[in-house]
Amino acid sequence: MGRFQSIQSAVKGSPEHKEKMLLARLIHEYEQELFKKDLPDLNPVELIKG
């Protein structure tokens, strides 16, 4: 996360921008894998109905 934050405002087309996009993808994939194990499938309509 530290590296991503340091290059967060990289100019489009620069090597840092490409690195930022790759890191964003990797972070996203990691978070998806991490959180899908902990959360059950929820139906929002059923949750609202209570």
Protein backbone atom coordinates (compact mmCIF):
# COMPACT_ATOMS: atom_id res chain seq x y z
CA MET A 1 0.00 0.00 0.00
CA GLY A 2 2.86 2.36 0.71
CA ARG A 3 4.20 2.17 -2.82
CA PHE A 4 0.71 2.61 -4.27
CA GLN A 5 0.16 5.72 -2.18
CA SER A 6 3.50 7.18 -3.24
CA ILE A 7 2.66 6.84 -6.95
CA GLN A 8 -1.08 7.51 -6.68
CA SER A 9 -0.88 10.77 -8.64
CA ALA A 10 1.34 9.44 -11.43
CA VAL A 11 0.81 10.96 -14.86
CA LYS A 12 -1.08 8.76 -17.31
CA GLY A 13 1.25 7.00 -19.72
CA SER A 14 4.26 7.14 -17.40
CA PRO A 15 5.96 4.00 -16.08
CA GLU A 16 4.72 4.93 -12.61
CA HIS A 17 1.15 5.06 -13.91
CA LYS A 18 1.48 1.57 -15.34
CA GLU A 19 2.87 0.38 -12.01
CA LYS A 20 -0.01 2.09 -10.20
CA MET A 21 -2.57 0.34 -12.39
CA LEU A 22 -0.92 -3.03 -11.80
CA LEU A 23 -0.80 -2.47 -8.05
CA ALA A 24 -4.45 -1.38 -8.02
CA ARG A 25 -5.38 -4.60 -9.79
CA LEU A 26 -3.36 -6.73 -7.39
CA ILE A 27 -4.81 -4.96 -4.34
CA HIS A 28 -8.33 -5.41 -5.71
CA GLU A 29 -7.81 -9.12 -6.36
CA TYR A 30 -6.32 -9.60 -2.90
CA GLU A 31 -9.24 -7.84 -1.21
CA GLN A 32 -11.77 -9.84 -3.21
CA GLU A 33 -10.15 -13.10 -2.18
CA LEU A 34 -9.73 -12.01 1.44
CA PHE A 35 -13.29 -10.83 2.01
CA LYS A 36 -15.24 -13.40 0.01
CA LYS A 37 -14.35 -16.06 2.57
CA ASP A 38 -15.79 -14.08 5.48
CA LEU A 39 -19.06 -12.86 4.03
CA PRO A 40 -22.02 -15.11 3.29
CA ASP A 41 -24.17 -14.56 0.21
CA LEU A 42 -26.76 -12.01 1.26
CA ASN A 43 -29.98 -11.00 -0.42
CA PRO A 44 -30.35 -7.22 0.10
CA VAL A 45 -34.14 -7.38 -0.26
CA GLU A 46 -34.39 -9.97 2.51
CA LEU A 47 -32.11 -7.90 4.73
CA ILE A 48 -34.34 -4.83 4.28
CA LYS A 49 -37.47 -6.84 5.03
CA GLY A 50 -35.78 -7.87 8.25
